[in-house]
Amino acid sequence: MLPKVAVVVLHSQSNKIKCWKCSHETSPSVFCETCHSILDYRADISLSYFDVLQIKETLLLNEDELRAKFYELSKKLHPDQFANSPHPAPQYALRWTTALNRAYQTLKKREERTQYLIEKYLAPSSSAAKAVIPTELAEAYFEVQDLLSEGQIEPIIKFKKELEKQLKESEKAWEPLAKAFDEAPNKTQVAELLRRHENRDKYIHSMLTDIERKVKS
């Protein structure tokens, strides 16, 4: 006998799912709204990670609330809860658990959450989505390479501190961008600004890592 559960309807309404037990057709959801049986996780419906975790799409997530939601759903959807249920309920529970873990691991990290939404709103094939190396950083990096080859350490340390300062300033700039993204009716333009911001951060991190490695060697 299946445990009594609250019906959870996800945000996507683009397709219908037929319950394996009672044949009722419902919007994409975890449990059937009629008999409360667990439904299949349908990858073809393209539920977002926010849908899977049953939260509003936002960059400014409250990480404590996200964690609490994840543990709540993990407990409810764990395959052990369906160990005595008829096939295919245990298999569906495993699929939901896998999707839930994947969604949580992505959304709990600011960088991965940002990249996830950038990729959602900027097509990978579009020119806007292509990585562009910041010109001023690239030029500065080439100068660093020359200084390193000449064995000059002090200018390198100074430049490293400047990069660390820029990184902190960039971290502060993320939140206003995230707020603008959340509030924007058209996400594409702000997603492009976020892409440039994240690309710059990655390049600075890469430069810092390379400088530290070469200074130590």
N, C-alpha and C. Protein backbone atom coordinates (compact mmCIF):
# COMPACT_ATOMS: atom_id res chain seq x y z
N MET A 1 0.86 -1.20 0.00
CA MET A 1 0.00 0.00 0.00
C MET A 1 0.88 1.24 0.00
N LEU A 2 0.63 2.17 -0.92
CA LEU A 2 1.45 3.37 -1.03
C LEU A 2 1.14 4.34 0.09
N PRO A 3 2.16 5.04 0.60
CA PRO A 3 1.92 6.03 1.66
C PRO A 3 1.11 7.20 1.12
N LYS A 4 0.32 7.84 1.98
CA LYS A 4 -0.43 9.01 1.57
C LYS A 4 0.53 10.18 1.39
N VAL A 5 0.39 10.85 0.28
CA VAL A 5 1.30 11.95 -0.03
C VAL A 5 0.51 13.11 -0.59
N ALA A 6 1.08 14.30 -0.46
CA ALA A 6 0.48 15.47 -1.07
C ALA A 6 0.79 15.48 -2.55
N VAL A 7 -0.15 15.88 -3.35
CA VAL A 7 0.08 15.96 -4.79
C VAL A 7 0.98 17.15 -5.07
N VAL A 8 2.03 16.89 -5.86
CA VAL A 8 2.97 17.95 -6.21
C VAL A 8 2.92 18.16 -7.70
N VAL A 9 2.49 19.32 -8.16
CA VAL A 9 2.42 19.63 -9.58
C VAL A 9 3.57 20.56 -9.92
N LEU A 10 4.37 20.19 -10.91
CA LEU A 10 5.53 20.98 -11.28
C LEU A 10 5.14 22.11 -12.22
N HIS A 11 6.09 23.01 -12.47
CA HIS A 11 5.79 24.22 -13.20
C HIS A 11 5.51 23.98 -14.68
N SER A 12 6.17 23.00 -15.27
CA SER A 12 5.98 22.76 -16.69
C SER A 12 4.59 22.20 -16.96
N GLN A 13 3.87 22.78 -17.91
CA GLN A 13 2.53 22.32 -18.24
C GLN A 13 2.44 21.94 -19.73
N SER A 14 3.56 21.65 -20.34
CA SER A 14 3.59 21.47 -21.79
C SER A 14 3.16 20.10 -22.25
N ASN A 15 3.14 19.11 -21.39
CA ASN A 15 2.79 17.76 -21.77
C ASN A 15 1.91 17.12 -20.71
N LYS A 16 1.35 15.99 -21.08
CA LYS A 16 0.55 15.23 -20.13
C LYS A 16 1.24 13.90 -19.84
N ILE A 17 1.09 13.44 -18.62
CA ILE A 17 1.62 12.14 -18.21
C ILE A 17 0.46 11.25 -17.82
N LYS A 18 0.48 10.00 -18.31
CA LYS A 18 -0.57 9.06 -17.94
C LYS A 18 -0.09 8.19 -16.78
N CYS A 19 -0.89 8.15 -15.75
CA CYS A 19 -0.55 7.34 -14.58
C CYS A 19 -0.53 5.87 -14.94
N TRP A 20 0.51 5.18 -14.53
CA TRP A 20 0.66 3.75 -14.83
C TRP A 20 -0.37 2.90 -14.08
N LYS A 21 -0.92 3.43 -13.00
CA LYS A 21 -1.83 2.64 -12.16
C LYS A 21 -3.30 2.87 -12.49
N CYS A 22 -3.69 4.15 -12.61
CA CYS A 22 -5.12 4.43 -12.83
C CYS A 22 -5.41 5.02 -14.21
N SER A 23 -4.35 5.26 -15.00
CA SER A 23 -4.46 5.78 -16.37
C SER A 23 -4.95 7.23 -16.45
N HIS A 24 -4.99 7.89 -15.32
CA HIS A 24 -5.39 9.30 -15.32
C HIS A 24 -4.29 10.13 -15.97
N GLU A 25 -4.68 11.08 -16.84
CA GLU A 25 -3.72 11.97 -17.47
C GLU A 25 -3.60 13.24 -16.65
N THR A 26 -2.37 13.61 -16.35
CA THR A 26 -2.13 14.76 -15.49
C THR A 26 -0.97 15.59 -16.04
N SER A 27 -0.87 16.82 -15.58
CA SER A 27 0.28 17.64 -15.94
C SER A 27 1.52 17.05 -15.28
N PRO A 28 2.72 17.36 -15.79
CA PRO A 28 3.95 16.80 -15.22
C PRO A 28 4.00 16.99 -13.71
N SER A 29 4.14 15.90 -13.00
CA SER A 29 4.13 15.95 -11.54
C SER A 29 4.82 14.72 -10.99
N VAL A 30 5.04 14.71 -9.69
CA VAL A 30 5.68 13.56 -9.05
C VAL A 30 4.66 12.47 -8.74
N PHE A 31 3.50 12.89 -8.25
CA PHE A 31 2.47 11.93 -7.87
C PHE A 31 1.18 12.18 -8.65
N CYS A 32 0.48 11.12 -8.93
CA CYS A 32 -0.81 11.20 -9.62
C CYS A 32 -1.80 11.95 -8.74
N GLU A 33 -2.50 12.90 -9.32
CA GLU A 33 -3.45 13.69 -8.54
C GLU A 33 -4.73 12.92 -8.21
N THR A 34 -4.90 11.74 -8.83
CA THR A 34 -6.08 10.94 -8.57
C THR A 34 -5.82 9.81 -7.57
N CYS A 35 -4.80 8.97 -7.85
CA CYS A 35 -4.55 7.82 -6.98
C CYS A 35 -3.28 7.98 -6.13
N HIS A 36 -2.54 9.07 -6.36
CA HIS A 36 -1.34 9.40 -5.58
C HIS A 36 -0.17 8.44 -5.80
N SER A 37 -0.20 7.67 -6.86
CA SER A 37 0.94 6.82 -7.19
C SER A 37 2.06 7.68 -7.76
N ILE A 38 3.30 7.27 -7.52
CA ILE A 38 4.42 8.01 -8.07
C ILE A 38 4.43 7.87 -9.58
N LEU A 39 4.71 8.94 -10.27
CA LEU A 39 4.74 8.93 -11.73
C LEU A 39 6.17 8.83 -12.23
N ASP A 40 6.30 8.53 -13.51
CA ASP A 40 7.63 8.41 -14.11
C ASP A 40 8.27 9.79 -14.23
N TYR A 41 9.59 9.84 -14.05
CA TYR A 41 10.33 11.06 -14.35
C TYR A 41 10.57 11.06 -15.85
N ARG A 42 9.98 12.03 -16.53
CA ARG A 42 10.04 12.07 -17.98
C ARG A 42 11.08 13.07 -18.45
N ALA A 43 12.23 12.57 -18.86
CA ALA A 43 13.30 13.45 -19.34
C ALA A 43 12.89 14.19 -20.62
N ASP A 44 12.00 13.58 -21.39
CA ASP A 44 11.60 14.18 -22.66
C ASP A 44 10.73 15.43 -22.47
N ILE A 45 10.20 15.61 -21.26
CA ILE A 45 9.39 16.78 -20.98
C ILE A 45 10.27 17.99 -20.66
N SER A 46 11.53 17.74 -20.40
CA SER A 46 12.51 18.80 -20.16
C SER A 46 12.16 19.66 -18.96
N LEU A 47 11.88 19.02 -17.85
CA LEU A 47 11.65 19.76 -16.61
C LEU A 47 12.97 20.44 -16.20
N SER A 48 12.87 21.67 -15.75
CA SER A 48 14.07 22.36 -15.31
C SER A 48 14.47 21.84 -13.93
N TYR A 49 15.68 22.14 -13.52
CA TYR A 49 16.13 21.75 -12.19
C TYR A 49 15.29 22.43 -11.10
N PHE A 50 14.79 23.62 -11.41
CA PHE A 50 13.93 24.31 -10.46
C PHE A 50 12.59 23.59 -10.33
N ASP A 51 12.09 23.06 -11.45
CA ASP A 51 10.86 22.26 -11.41
C ASP A 51 11.05 21.02 -10.56
N VAL A 52 12.18 20.34 -10.78
CA VAL A 52 12.44 19.10 -10.05
C VAL A 52 12.47 19.36 -8.54
N LEU A 53 13.07 20.49 -8.14
CA LEU A 53 13.15 20.83 -6.72
C LEU A 53 11.93 21.60 -6.23
N GLN A 54 10.98 21.85 -7.15
CA GLN A 54 9.71 22.49 -6.80
C GLN A 54 9.90 23.88 -6.18
N ILE A 55 10.78 24.65 -6.81
CA ILE A 55 11.04 26.01 -6.34
C ILE A 55 10.96 26.97 -7.51
N LYS A 56 10.79 28.24 -7.19
CA LYS A 56 10.73 29.27 -8.21
C LYS A 56 12.11 29.45 -8.85
N GLU A 57 12.12 29.69 -10.16
CA GLU A 57 13.38 29.94 -10.85
C GLU A 57 13.95 31.28 -10.42
N THR A 58 15.11 31.26 -9.81
CA THR A 58 15.77 32.48 -9.36
C THR A 58 17.26 32.22 -9.15
N LEU A 59 18.05 33.24 -9.42
CA LEU A 59 19.49 33.15 -9.14
C LEU A 59 19.77 33.39 -7.67
N LEU A 60 18.93 34.20 -7.04
CA LEU A 60 19.15 34.58 -5.64
C LEU A 60 18.47 33.58 -4.71
N LEU A 61 18.92 32.35 -4.78
CA LEU A 61 18.35 31.30 -3.95
C LEU A 61 18.79 31.44 -2.50
N ASN A 62 17.90 31.13 -1.59
CA ASN A 62 18.26 30.99 -0.19
C ASN A 62 18.79 29.57 -0.03
N GLU A 63 20.09 29.43 0.19
CA GLU A 63 20.71 28.11 0.18
C GLU A 63 20.22 27.22 1.33
N ASP A 64 19.89 27.83 2.47
CA ASP A 64 19.35 27.04 3.58
C ASP A 64 17.98 26.46 3.23
N GLU A 65 17.15 27.29 2.60
CA GLU A 65 15.82 26.82 2.20
C GLU A 65 15.94 25.77 1.09
N LEU A 66 16.89 25.97 0.19
CA LEU A 66 17.12 24.99 -0.87
C LEU A 66 17.52 23.64 -0.29
N ARG A 67 18.43 23.67 0.68
CA ARG A 67 18.88 22.43 1.32
C ARG A 67 17.72 21.73 2.03
N ALA A 68 16.91 22.52 2.74
CA ALA A 68 15.78 21.94 3.46
C ALA A 68 14.79 21.30 2.49
N LYS A 69 14.56 21.96 1.35
CA LYS A 69 13.65 21.41 0.34
C LYS A 69 14.20 20.13 -0.25
N PHE A 70 15.50 20.12 -0.49
CA PHE A 70 16.14 18.93 -1.05
C PHE A 70 15.99 17.74 -0.11
N TYR A 71 16.26 17.95 1.18
CA TYR A 71 16.16 16.83 2.13
C TYR A 71 14.71 16.38 2.29
N GLU A 72 13.79 17.32 2.23
CA GLU A 72 12.37 16.97 2.33
C GLU A 72 11.96 16.06 1.17
N LEU A 73 12.35 16.45 -0.05
CA LEU A 73 11.99 15.66 -1.23
C LEU A 73 12.78 14.35 -1.29
N SER A 74 14.04 14.39 -0.86
CA SER A 74 14.85 13.16 -0.86
C SER A 74 14.21 12.09 0.01
N LYS A 75 13.74 12.51 1.16
CA LYS A 75 13.09 11.56 2.07
C LYS A 75 11.81 11.02 1.47
N LYS A 76 11.04 11.89 0.83
CA LYS A 76 9.75 11.50 0.27
C LYS A 76 9.91 10.58 -0.95
N LEU A 77 10.98 10.82 -1.74
CA LEU A 77 11.14 10.12 -3.01
C LEU A 77 12.19 9.01 -2.98
N HIS A 78 12.80 8.77 -1.84
CA HIS A 78 13.84 7.75 -1.77
C HIS A 78 13.26 6.38 -2.15
N PRO A 79 14.00 5.60 -2.94
CA PRO A 79 13.51 4.28 -3.36
C PRO A 79 13.10 3.37 -2.21
N ASP A 80 13.71 3.56 -1.03
CA ASP A 80 13.34 2.73 0.12
C ASP A 80 11.87 2.93 0.51
N GLN A 81 11.35 4.12 0.22
CA GLN A 81 9.95 4.39 0.53
C GLN A 81 9.00 3.57 -0.34
N PHE A 82 9.55 3.03 -1.44
CA PHE A 82 8.73 2.29 -2.40
C PHE A 82 9.18 0.84 -2.55
N ALA A 83 9.96 0.38 -1.56
CA ALA A 83 10.53 -0.98 -1.64
C ALA A 83 9.45 -2.04 -1.74
N ASN A 84 8.31 -1.83 -1.10
CA ASN A 84 7.23 -2.81 -1.12
C ASN A 84 6.12 -2.45 -2.10
N SER A 85 6.38 -1.45 -2.92
CA SER A 85 5.39 -1.03 -3.92
C SER A 85 5.54 -1.85 -5.18
N PRO A 86 4.48 -2.02 -5.94
CA PRO A 86 4.56 -2.81 -7.18
C PRO A 86 5.37 -2.09 -8.25
N HIS A 87 5.93 -2.84 -9.15
CA HIS A 87 6.62 -2.29 -10.32
C HIS A 87 5.60 -1.49 -11.14
N PRO A 88 6.00 -0.30 -11.66
CA PRO A 88 7.35 0.27 -11.75
C PRO A 88 7.64 1.35 -10.71
N ALA A 89 6.89 1.41 -9.62
CA ALA A 89 7.06 2.49 -8.64
C ALA A 89 8.49 2.62 -8.12
N PRO A 90 9.18 1.52 -7.73
CA PRO A 90 10.57 1.65 -7.25
C PRO A 90 11.50 2.23 -8.31
N GLN A 91 11.28 1.84 -9.56
CA GLN A 91 12.11 2.35 -10.65
C GLN A 91 11.88 3.85 -10.86
N TYR A 92 10.64 4.27 -10.78
CA TYR A 92 10.32 5.69 -10.93
C TYR A 92 10.93 6.51 -9.79
N ALA A 93 10.88 5.95 -8.58
CA ALA A 93 11.46 6.64 -7.42
C ALA A 93 12.96 6.83 -7.61
N LEU A 94 13.62 5.82 -8.17
CA LEU A 94 15.05 5.92 -8.42
C LEU A 94 15.34 7.02 -9.45
N ARG A 95 14.52 7.10 -10.48
CA ARG A 95 14.71 8.14 -11.50
C ARG A 95 14.53 9.54 -10.91
N TRP A 96 13.51 9.70 -10.07
CA TRP A 96 13.28 11.00 -9.45
C TRP A 96 14.43 11.36 -8.50
N THR A 97 14.92 10.38 -7.77
CA THR A 97 16.01 10.63 -6.84
C THR A 97 17.27 11.06 -7.57
N THR A 98 17.55 10.40 -8.70
CA THR A 98 18.71 10.76 -9.52
C THR A 98 18.57 12.19 -10.04
N ALA A 99 17.38 12.51 -10.54
CA ALA A 99 17.14 13.86 -11.06
C ALA A 99 17.24 14.90 -9.95
N LEU A 100 16.74 14.55 -8.79
CA LEU A 100 16.76 15.45 -7.64
C LEU A 100 18.19 15.76 -7.21
N ASN A 101 19.02 14.73 -7.14
CA ASN A 101 20.42 14.91 -6.75
C ASN A 101 21.17 15.78 -7.76
N ARG A 102 20.91 15.51 -9.04
CA ARG A 102 21.57 16.28 -10.09
C ARG A 102 21.17 17.75 -10.02
N ALA A 103 19.89 17.98 -9.80
CA ALA A 103 19.39 19.36 -9.72
C ALA A 103 19.99 20.09 -8.52
N TYR A 104 20.03 19.42 -7.39
CA TYR A 104 20.54 20.06 -6.17
C TYR A 104 22.02 20.37 -6.28
N GLN A 105 22.80 19.43 -6.80
CA GLN A 105 24.24 19.64 -6.93
C GLN A 105 24.55 20.82 -7.84
N THR A 106 23.68 21.09 -8.80
CA THR A 106 23.89 22.24 -9.69
C THR A 106 23.43 23.54 -9.05
N LEU A 107 22.23 23.55 -8.50
CA LEU A 107 21.65 24.80 -8.02
C LEU A 107 22.23 25.29 -6.70
N LYS A 108 22.84 24.41 -5.93
CA LYS A 108 23.37 24.85 -4.63
C LYS A 108 24.64 25.68 -4.77
N LYS A 109 25.30 25.61 -5.93
CA LYS A 109 26.53 26.37 -6.15
C LYS A 109 26.25 27.56 -7.04
N ARG A 110 26.63 28.73 -6.57
CA ARG A 110 26.32 29.96 -7.30
C ARG A 110 26.82 29.92 -8.73
N GLU A 111 28.07 29.51 -8.92
CA GLU A 111 28.67 29.51 -10.26
C GLU A 111 27.93 28.56 -11.19
N GLU A 112 27.63 27.35 -10.71
CA GLU A 112 26.96 26.36 -11.56
C GLU A 112 25.51 26.74 -11.81
N ARG A 113 24.88 27.34 -10.81
CA ARG A 113 23.50 27.81 -10.97
C ARG A 113 23.44 28.90 -12.04
N THR A 114 24.40 29.82 -11.99
CA THR A 114 24.45 30.90 -12.97
C THR A 114 24.68 30.35 -14.36
N GLN A 115 25.63 29.44 -14.49
CA GLN A 115 25.92 28.85 -15.80
C GLN A 115 24.73 28.08 -16.34
N TYR A 116 24.03 27.40 -15.46
CA TYR A 116 22.85 26.63 -15.87
C TYR A 116 21.79 27.54 -16.51
N LEU A 117 21.54 28.69 -15.88
CA LEU A 117 20.54 29.61 -16.42
C LEU A 117 21.04 30.35 -17.65
N ILE A 118 22.34 30.62 -17.71
CA ILE A 118 22.91 31.22 -18.92
C ILE A 118 22.68 30.30 -20.11
N GLU A 119 22.95 29.02 -19.92
CA GLU A 119 22.78 28.06 -21.00
C GLU A 119 21.32 27.86 -21.37
N LYS A 120 20.43 28.08 -20.40
CA LYS A 120 19.01 27.95 -20.69
C LYS A 120 18.52 29.06 -21.61
N TYR A 121 19.03 30.28 -21.39
CA TYR A 121 18.51 31.43 -22.13
C TYR A 121 19.40 31.87 -23.29
N LEU A 122 20.62 31.34 -23.37
CA LEU A 122 21.48 31.63 -24.51
C LEU A 122 21.81 30.33 -25.21
N ALA A 123 21.33 30.19 -26.43
CA ALA A 123 21.56 28.96 -27.18
C ALA A 123 23.05 28.74 -27.37
N PRO A 124 23.54 27.50 -27.16
CA PRO A 124 24.98 27.21 -27.31
C PRO A 124 25.52 27.55 -28.69
N SER A 125 24.68 27.49 -29.70
CA SER A 125 25.14 27.75 -31.07
C SER A 125 25.18 29.23 -31.41
N SER A 126 24.61 30.08 -30.55
CA SER A 126 24.56 31.51 -30.85
C SER A 126 25.91 32.16 -30.57
N SER A 127 26.20 33.24 -31.28
CA SER A 127 27.47 33.94 -31.09
C SER A 127 27.54 34.55 -29.70
N ALA A 128 26.38 34.88 -29.14
CA ALA A 128 26.36 35.49 -27.80
C ALA A 128 26.84 34.54 -26.74
N ALA A 129 26.69 33.23 -27.00
CA ALA A 129 27.05 32.25 -25.98
C ALA A 129 28.51 31.85 -26.03
N LYS A 130 29.23 32.30 -27.05
CA LYS A 130 30.62 31.92 -27.18
C LYS A 130 31.49 32.69 -26.19
N ALA A 131 32.48 32.02 -25.63
CA ALA A 131 33.36 32.64 -24.65
C ALA A 131 34.26 33.66 -25.34
N VAL A 132 34.37 34.83 -24.76
CA VAL A 132 35.23 35.89 -25.28
C VAL A 132 36.21 36.27 -24.19
N ILE A 133 37.49 36.17 -24.47
CA ILE A 133 38.52 36.52 -23.49
C ILE A 133 38.58 38.04 -23.37
N PRO A 134 38.45 38.57 -22.16
CA PRO A 134 38.56 40.03 -21.99
C PRO A 134 39.90 40.55 -22.49
N THR A 135 39.86 41.51 -23.39
CA THR A 135 41.07 41.99 -24.07
C THR A 135 42.12 42.50 -23.10
N GLU A 136 41.69 43.35 -22.13
CA GLU A 136 42.67 43.95 -21.23
C GLU A 136 43.33 42.91 -20.34
N LEU A 137 42.59 41.87 -19.98
CA LEU A 137 43.18 40.80 -19.17
C LEU A 137 44.14 39.95 -19.99
N ALA A 138 43.77 39.71 -21.23
CA ALA A 138 44.65 38.92 -22.10
C ALA A 138 45.98 39.63 -22.31
N GLU A 139 45.92 40.94 -22.55
CA GLU A 139 47.15 41.72 -22.76
C GLU A 139 48.01 41.72 -21.49
N ALA A 140 47.36 41.89 -20.34
CA ALA A 140 48.09 41.88 -19.07
C ALA A 140 48.72 40.52 -18.81
N TYR A 141 48.03 39.49 -19.21
CA TYR A 141 48.54 38.14 -18.99
C TYR A 141 49.80 37.88 -19.82
N PHE A 142 49.82 38.40 -21.05
CA PHE A 142 51.00 38.24 -21.89
C PHE A 142 52.20 38.98 -21.29
N GLU A 143 51.93 40.13 -20.69
CA GLU A 143 53.01 40.88 -20.03
C GLU A 143 53.55 40.09 -18.84
N VAL A 144 52.65 39.41 -18.14
CA VAL A 144 53.06 38.59 -17.00
C VAL A 144 53.98 37.47 -17.46
N GLN A 145 53.64 36.87 -18.58
CA GLN A 145 54.46 35.80 -19.11
C GLN A 145 55.89 36.28 -19.39
N ASP A 146 56.00 37.50 -19.93
CA ASP A 146 57.32 38.07 -20.22
C ASP A 146 58.10 38.32 -18.93
N LEU A 147 57.41 38.84 -17.92
CA LEU A 147 58.07 39.12 -16.65
C LEU A 147 58.54 37.83 -15.98
N LEU A 148 57.73 36.80 -16.09
CA LEU A 148 58.10 35.52 -15.50
C LEU A 148 59.33 34.94 -16.20
N SER A 149 59.37 35.08 -17.52
CA SER A 149 60.51 34.55 -18.27
C SER A 149 61.80 35.29 -17.95
N GLU A 150 61.65 36.54 -17.48
CA GLU A 150 62.82 37.33 -17.11
C GLU A 150 63.19 37.16 -15.64
N GLY A 151 62.38 36.37 -14.93
CA GLY A 151 62.67 36.09 -13.52
C GLY A 151 62.27 37.21 -12.58
N GLN A 152 61.40 38.13 -13.01
CA GLN A 152 60.97 39.24 -12.17
C GLN A 152 59.76 38.80 -11.33
N ILE A 153 59.93 38.75 -10.04
CA ILE A 153 58.90 38.24 -9.14
C ILE A 153 58.02 39.34 -8.55
N GLU A 154 58.63 40.46 -8.13
CA GLU A 154 57.86 41.51 -7.45
C GLU A 154 56.71 42.06 -8.31
N PRO A 155 56.94 42.36 -9.59
CA PRO A 155 55.81 42.83 -10.42
C PRO A 155 54.71 41.78 -10.53
N ILE A 156 55.11 40.50 -10.51
CA ILE A 156 54.13 39.42 -10.61
C ILE A 156 53.25 39.38 -9.36
N ILE A 157 53.89 39.52 -8.19
CA ILE A 157 53.13 39.51 -6.94
C ILE A 157 52.16 40.70 -6.88
N LYS A 158 52.61 41.86 -7.37
CA LYS A 158 51.76 43.04 -7.41
C LYS A 158 50.57 42.81 -8.33
N PHE A 159 50.83 42.22 -9.46
CA PHE A 159 49.76 41.94 -10.43
C PHE A 159 48.79 40.92 -9.86
N LYS A 160 49.31 39.94 -9.14
CA LYS A 160 48.47 38.93 -8.51
C LYS A 160 47.50 39.56 -7.52
N LYS A 161 47.98 40.51 -6.72
CA LYS A 161 47.13 41.20 -5.76
C LYS A 161 46.05 42.02 -6.47
N GLU A 162 46.42 42.59 -7.61
CA GLU A 162 45.45 43.35 -8.39
C GLU A 162 44.34 42.44 -8.92
N LEU A 163 44.73 41.26 -9.36
CA LEU A 163 43.74 40.29 -9.84
C LEU A 163 42.81 39.85 -8.72
N GLU A 164 43.37 39.64 -7.55
CA GLU A 164 42.55 39.24 -6.39
C GLU A 164 41.56 40.34 -6.03
N LYS A 165 42.01 41.59 -6.15
CA LYS A 165 41.13 42.73 -5.89
C LYS A 165 39.99 42.77 -6.91
N GLN A 166 40.32 42.56 -8.17
CA GLN A 166 39.30 42.55 -9.22
C GLN A 166 38.30 41.43 -9.01
N LEU A 167 38.79 40.31 -8.53
CA LEU A 167 37.90 39.16 -8.30
C LEU A 167 36.89 39.47 -7.20
N LYS A 168 37.34 40.13 -6.14
CA LYS A 168 36.42 40.50 -5.05
C LYS A 168 35.38 41.51 -5.54
N GLU A 169 35.82 42.46 -6.36
CA GLU A 169 34.89 43.44 -6.90
C GLU A 169 33.87 42.77 -7.82
N SER A 170 34.35 41.78 -8.56
CA SER A 170 33.47 41.05 -9.46
C SER A 170 32.42 40.24 -8.69
N GLU A 171 32.83 39.68 -7.55
CA GLU A 171 31.90 38.93 -6.72
C GLU A 171 30.79 39.83 -6.19
N LYS A 172 31.14 41.07 -5.86
CA LYS A 172 30.14 42.03 -5.38
C LYS A 172 29.19 42.43 -6.51
N ALA A 173 29.70 42.42 -7.74
CA ALA A 173 28.88 42.84 -8.88
C ALA A 173 27.88 41.76 -9.29
N TRP A 174 28.09 40.54 -8.83
CA TRP A 174 27.20 39.45 -9.25
C TRP A 174 25.78 39.62 -8.73
N GLU A 175 25.62 40.02 -7.48
CA GLU A 175 24.28 40.08 -6.89
C GLU A 175 23.35 41.08 -7.61
N PRO A 176 23.81 42.30 -7.92
CA PRO A 176 22.93 43.20 -8.69
C PRO A 176 22.55 42.62 -10.05
N LEU A 177 23.48 41.93 -10.69
CA LEU A 177 23.18 41.28 -11.97
C LEU A 177 22.14 40.17 -11.79
N ALA A 178 22.31 39.41 -10.72
CA ALA A 178 21.37 38.32 -10.45
C ALA A 178 19.98 38.88 -10.18
N LYS A 179 19.91 39.98 -9.44
CA LYS A 179 18.62 40.60 -9.15
C LYS A 179 17.98 41.11 -10.43
N ALA A 180 18.78 41.72 -11.30
CA ALA A 180 18.27 42.21 -12.58
C ALA A 180 17.76 41.05 -13.43
N PHE A 181 18.47 39.94 -13.38
CA PHE A 181 18.04 38.76 -14.14
C PHE A 181 16.69 38.24 -13.63
N ASP A 182 16.57 38.14 -12.32
CA ASP A 182 15.33 37.63 -11.73
C ASP A 182 14.13 38.50 -12.08
N GLU A 183 14.36 39.81 -12.17
CA GLU A 183 13.27 40.75 -12.40
C GLU A 183 13.00 41.02 -13.88
N ALA A 184 13.91 40.62 -14.75
CA ALA A 184 13.78 40.95 -16.17
C ALA A 184 12.68 40.14 -16.85
N PRO A 185 11.77 40.80 -17.57
CA PRO A 185 10.74 40.07 -18.32
C PRO A 185 11.34 39.29 -19.48
N ASN A 186 12.42 39.84 -20.06
CA ASN A 186 13.16 39.16 -21.12
C ASN A 186 14.55 38.82 -20.58
N LYS A 187 14.79 37.53 -20.34
CA LYS A 187 16.01 37.10 -19.66
C LYS A 187 17.26 37.14 -20.55
N THR A 188 17.07 37.12 -21.85
CA THR A 188 18.20 36.92 -22.77
C THR A 188 19.27 38.00 -22.63
N GLN A 189 18.85 39.27 -22.57
CA GLN A 189 19.82 40.36 -22.50
C GLN A 189 20.64 40.31 -21.22
N VAL A 190 19.96 40.06 -20.09
CA VAL A 190 20.68 40.00 -18.82
C VAL A 190 21.53 38.73 -18.76
N ALA A 191 21.06 37.66 -19.38
CA ALA A 191 21.85 36.43 -19.42
C ALA A 191 23.17 36.66 -20.15
N GLU A 192 23.14 37.51 -21.16
CA GLU A 192 24.39 37.84 -21.88
C GLU A 192 25.35 38.61 -20.97
N LEU A 193 24.82 39.53 -20.16
CA LEU A 193 25.66 40.27 -19.21
C LEU A 193 26.24 39.32 -18.16
N LEU A 194 25.43 38.37 -17.73
CA LEU A 194 25.91 37.38 -16.77
C LEU A 194 27.00 36.51 -17.40
N ARG A 195 26.81 36.16 -18.66
CA ARG A 195 27.82 35.34 -19.35
C ARG A 195 29.16 36.05 -19.39
N ARG A 196 29.14 37.35 -19.71
CA ARG A 196 30.38 38.12 -19.75
C ARG A 196 31.02 38.21 -18.36
N HIS A 197 30.18 38.40 -17.35
CA HIS A 197 30.66 38.48 -15.97
C HIS A 197 31.32 37.17 -15.55
N GLU A 198 30.65 36.05 -15.82
CA GLU A 198 31.19 34.74 -15.43
C GLU A 198 32.44 34.40 -16.22
N ASN A 199 32.47 34.77 -17.48
CA ASN A 199 33.63 34.50 -18.31
C ASN A 199 34.86 35.25 -17.80
N ARG A 200 34.63 36.47 -17.39
CA ARG A 200 35.73 37.28 -16.83
C ARG A 200 36.24 36.65 -15.53
N ASP A 201 35.32 36.23 -14.67
CA ASP A 201 35.71 35.59 -13.41
C ASP A 201 36.55 34.34 -13.67
N LYS A 202 36.11 33.53 -14.61
CA LYS A 202 36.83 32.29 -14.92
C LYS A 202 38.23 32.58 -15.43
N TYR A 203 38.35 33.63 -16.24
CA TYR A 203 39.65 33.98 -16.79
C TYR A 203 40.59 34.47 -15.70
N ILE A 204 40.05 35.26 -14.76
CA ILE A 204 40.87 35.74 -13.64
C ILE A 204 41.32 34.56 -12.77
N HIS A 205 40.40 33.65 -12.49
CA HIS A 205 40.75 32.45 -11.71
C HIS A 205 41.85 31.66 -12.41
N SER A 206 41.72 31.52 -13.71
CA SER A 206 42.71 30.77 -14.49
C SER A 206 44.08 31.45 -14.43
N MET A 207 44.10 32.77 -14.56
CA MET A 207 45.35 33.51 -14.49
C MET A 207 46.00 33.38 -13.12
N LEU A 208 45.20 33.49 -12.07
CA LEU A 208 45.73 33.37 -10.71
C LEU A 208 46.35 32.00 -10.47
N THR A 209 45.65 30.98 -10.93
CA THR A 209 46.15 29.60 -10.78
C THR A 209 47.47 29.42 -11.51
N ASP A 210 47.54 29.95 -12.71
CA ASP A 210 48.76 29.80 -13.52
C ASP A 210 49.92 30.58 -12.90
N ILE A 211 49.65 31.79 -12.41
CA ILE A 211 50.69 32.60 -11.79
C ILE A 211 51.24 31.92 -10.54
N GLU A 212 50.33 31.43 -9.69
CA GLU A 212 50.75 30.74 -8.46
C GLU A 212 51.59 29.51 -8.78
N ARG A 213 51.20 28.77 -9.79
CA ARG A 213 51.93 27.56 -10.16
C ARG A 213 53.34 27.90 -10.66
N LYS A 214 53.45 28.95 -11.50
CA LYS A 214 54.72 29.30 -12.09
C LYS A 214 55.65 29.98 -11.08
N VAL A 215 55.08 30.74 -10.17
CA VAL A 215 55.92 31.37 -9.14
C VAL A 215 56.52 30.34 -8.22
N LYS A 216 55.77 29.29 -7.90
CA LYS A 216 56.25 28.23 -7.03
C LYS A 216 57.29 27.33 -7.71
N SER A 217 57.20 27.22 -9.02
CA SER A 217 58.10 26.30 -9.74
C SER A 217 59.49 26.89 -9.92
